[in-house]
Protein backbone atom coordinates (compact mmCIF):
# COMPACT_ATOMS: atom_id res chain seq x y z
CA UNK A 1 14.36 5.04 2.68
CA UNK A 2 12.01 3.33 0.76
CA UNK A 3 8.38 2.83 2.28
CA UNK A 4 6.17 -0.82 -0.18
CA UNK A 5 2.81 0.15 0.22
CA UNK A 6 -0.49 -0.67 -0.03
CA UNK A 7 -4.70 0.66 0.74
CA UNK A 8 -7.31 -1.11 0.24
CA UNK A 9 -11.02 0.76 -0.76
CA UNK A 10 -14.49 1.25 -1.30
CA UNK A 11 -13.77 0.93 -4.86
CA UNK A 12 -12.46 1.50 -8.44
CA UNK A 13 -14.48 4.99 -8.77
CA UNK A 14 -12.91 8.52 -8.36
CA UNK A 15 -15.40 8.94 -4.64
CA UNK A 16 -13.62 5.96 -2.98
CA UNK A 17 -12.26 6.22 0.51
CA UNK A 18 -9.47 3.83 2.27
CA UNK A 19 -10.29 0.76 4.23
CA UNK A 20 -6.22 -0.57 4.91
CA UNK A 21 -3.12 0.56 4.51
CA UNK A 22 0.21 -1.20 5.38
CA UNK A 23 3.34 -0.38 5.40
CA UNK A 24 6.34 -2.54 5.32
CA UNK A 25 10.17 -0.11 4.66
CA UNK A 26 12.97 -1.56 3.71
CA UNK A 27 14.74 -1.84 7.01
CA UNK A 28 11.85 -4.33 8.87
CA UNK A 29 9.47 -1.79 10.39
CA UNK A 30 6.22 -2.74 9.30
CA UNK A 31 3.13 -0.19 10.01
CA UNK A 32 -0.87 -2.04 9.30
CA UNK A 33 -4.49 0.23 9.75
CA UNK A 34 -7.39 0.00 9.62
CA UNK A 35 -9.88 2.16 8.78
CA UNK A 36 -13.44 3.36 10.56
CA UNK A 37 -13.97 5.72 8.99
CA UNK A 38 -14.49 4.14 5.13
CA UNK A 39 -18.16 5.01 3.55
CA UNK A 40 -20.29 1.53 4.14
CA UNK A 41 -22.22 2.39 1.56
CA UNK A 42 -20.02 2.08 -1.17
CA UNK A 43 -18.61 -1.55 0.37
CA UNK A 44 -20.71 -4.23 -1.91
CA UNK A 45 -20.50 -8.01 -2.39
CA UNK A 46 -16.51 -8.54 -4.07
CA UNK A 47 -15.37 -5.73 -1.01
CA UNK A 48 -16.97 -7.97 1.09
CA UNK A 49 -15.18 -11.30 -0.27
CA UNK A 50 -11.91 -10.12 -1.06
CA UNK A 51 -10.77 -7.12 1.56
CA UNK A 52 -13.12 -6.27 4.73
CA UNK A 53 -13.53 -10.42 4.57
CA UNK A 54 -8.57 -10.26 5.09
CA UNK A 55 -9.51 -7.93 7.79
CA UNK A 56 -7.07 -8.26 10.27
CA UNK A 57 -9.47 -6.42 12.50
CA UNK A 58 -6.79 -4.10 14.36
CA UNK A 59 -8.26 -1.53 16.37
CA UNK A 60 -9.54 0.65 13.44
CA UNK A 61 -9.00 4.38 14.01
CA UNK A 62 -9.59 7.22 11.83
CA UNK A 63 -8.35 9.57 9.18
CA UNK A 64 -7.35 11.80 11.47
CA UNK A 65 -6.02 9.67 13.25
CA UNK A 66 -4.65 7.57 10.67
CA UNK A 67 -2.62 10.52 9.85
CA UNK A 68 -0.77 11.11 13.27
CA UNK A 69 0.16 7.82 12.82
CA UNK A 70 1.83 7.17 9.30
CA UNK A 71 3.78 10.64 10.39
CA UNK A 72 5.10 8.33 13.21
CA UNK A 73 5.87 6.21 10.77
CA UNK A 74 7.59 8.33 8.78
CA UNK A 75 9.26 10.50 10.96
CA UNK A 76 12.37 8.79 11.55
CA UNK A 77 13.40 8.65 8.47
CA UNK A 78 15.79 11.88 7.25
CA UNK A 79 13.90 10.57 3.10
CA UNK A 80 11.39 8.23 2.19
CA UNK A 81 10.36 7.08 -1.52
CA UNK A 82 7.13 5.54 -1.78
CA UNK A 83 6.64 2.67 -3.82
CA UNK A 84 3.28 0.65 -4.16
CA UNK A 85 1.89 -1.39 -7.24
CA UNK A 86 -0.91 0.17 -9.90
CA UNK A 87 -0.93 3.12 -7.49
CA UNK A 88 -3.74 5.73 -9.22
CA UNK A 89 -5.66 5.49 -6.94
CA UNK A 90 -3.07 4.73 -3.08
CA UNK A 91 -1.04 7.84 -4.31
CA UNK A 92 -4.30 10.00 -4.81
CA UNK A 93 -5.08 8.34 -1.03
CA UNK A 94 -2.22 8.53 0.46
CA UNK A 95 -2.37 12.24 0.07
CA UNK A 96 -6.19 12.22 1.39
CA UNK A 97 -4.61 11.33 4.51
CA UNK A 98 -2.68 14.44 4.45
CA UNK A 99 -5.54 17.53 3.03
CA UNK A 100 -3.43 17.87 0.69
CA UNK A 101 -0.76 16.68 -2.05
CA UNK A 102 0.73 19.60 -0.14
CA UNK A 103 0.36 18.52 3.64
CA UNK A 104 2.27 15.02 2.70
CA UNK A 105 5.55 14.53 5.42
CA UNK A 106 8.27 17.01 4.97
CA UNK A 107 10.86 13.72 4.10
CA UNK A 108 8.19 12.46 2.12
CA UNK A 109 9.41 12.33 -1.76
CA UNK A 110 6.39 14.01 -4.14
CA UNK A 111 7.02 11.10 -6.76
CA UNK A 112 6.19 8.00 -5.80
CA UNK A 113 7.08 5.62 -7.80
CA UNK A 114 5.09 1.90 -9.45
CA UNK A 115 6.69 -1.47 -9.61
CA UNK A 116 4.12 -2.40 -12.12
CA UNK A 117 6.58 0.58 -14.07
CA UNK A 118 9.79 -0.99 -13.03
CA UNK A 119 8.53 -4.71 -14.47
CA UNK A 120 7.04 -3.31 -18.09
CA UNK A 121 11.19 -1.41 -18.00
CA UNK A 122 13.03 -5.01 -16.76
CA UNK A 123 10.58 -7.29 -19.54
CA UNK A 124 8.35 -8.97 -17.01
CA UNK A 125 5.12 -9.14 -17.91
CA UNK A 126 2.59 -6.37 -15.06
CA UNK A 127 0.33 -8.28 -15.42
CA UNK A 128 1.75 -11.69 -13.66
CA UNK A 129 0.80 -13.61 -10.11
CA UNK A 130 2.84 -11.57 -7.64
CA UNK A 131 3.67 -14.12 -5.30
CA UNK A 132 4.69 -17.22 -7.49
CA UNK A 133 7.08 -14.08 -9.34
CA UNK A 134 8.54 -12.79 -5.86
CA UNK A 135 8.37 -16.37 -4.47
CA UNK A 136 6.79 -14.89 -2.27
CA UNK A 137 5.45 -17.52 0.96
CA UNK A 138 3.51 -17.01 3.26
CA UNK A 139 1.34 -19.50 5.29
CA UNK A 140 -2.20 -18.35 4.16
CA UNK A 141 -2.38 -15.46 1.02
CA UNK A 142 -4.10 -12.69 2.35
CA UNK A 143 -3.47 -10.82 -1.49
CA UNK A 144 -6.12 -8.00 -0.84
CA UNK A 145 -5.20 -7.64 2.86
CA UNK A 146 -3.10 -4.72 2.47
CA UNK A 147 0.08 -5.34 4.56
CA UNK A 148 0.42 -8.99 2.91
CA UNK A 149 0.82 -6.90 -0.31
CA UNK A 150 3.27 -4.60 1.04
CA UNK A 151 5.38 -7.24 1.78
CA UNK A 152 4.26 -9.45 -1.99
CA UNK A 153 5.51 -5.48 -3.55
CA UNK A 154 8.64 -5.08 -1.34
CA UNK A 155 9.75 -9.18 -2.42
CA UNK A 156 9.05 -8.29 -6.34
CA UNK A 157 10.63 -4.46 -6.15
CA UNK A 158 14.09 -7.28 -5.07
CA UNK A 159 13.51 -9.44 -7.23
CA UNK A 160 13.17 -6.99 -9.39
CA UNK A 161 16.17 -4.61 -8.80
CA UNK A 162 18.40 -7.75 -8.10
CA UNK A 163 17.72 -10.04 -11.86
CA UNK A 164 20.26 -8.93 -14.53
CA UNK A 165 17.85 -8.58 -17.42
């Protein structure tokens, strides 16, 4: 089962902390969680305007609760491939939820996959607007909302594998 996921976090630096995570499975199941234990001192104006303002304001949970929630979401699947977009930070934060890369759920393949690389291989400029590329149409574009972005990643993946180039 492919799981398309995205995270929002407090900045592009090594001490960043997770704000939210969105996951969309091939079979249509979705998971969205917001965290209440991210480092608020790292939130700058860009994060406030582009990330915090796009949160759905669901019941925030802490990282320990998030671990159990993700394990429950992934548990029905025998084998899971994780797909993201520019996943350098996403994958580190995913592993951090479980305390260590060796502690991720056993059904999750330890090598993540990146649609940016798939785009490059398929001859698509990875620096394109994802929503425009895949024809993703939601009433409200909520770029930088983890669930929205995970849905877009899934749509891009589908277009990339269906296009015969």
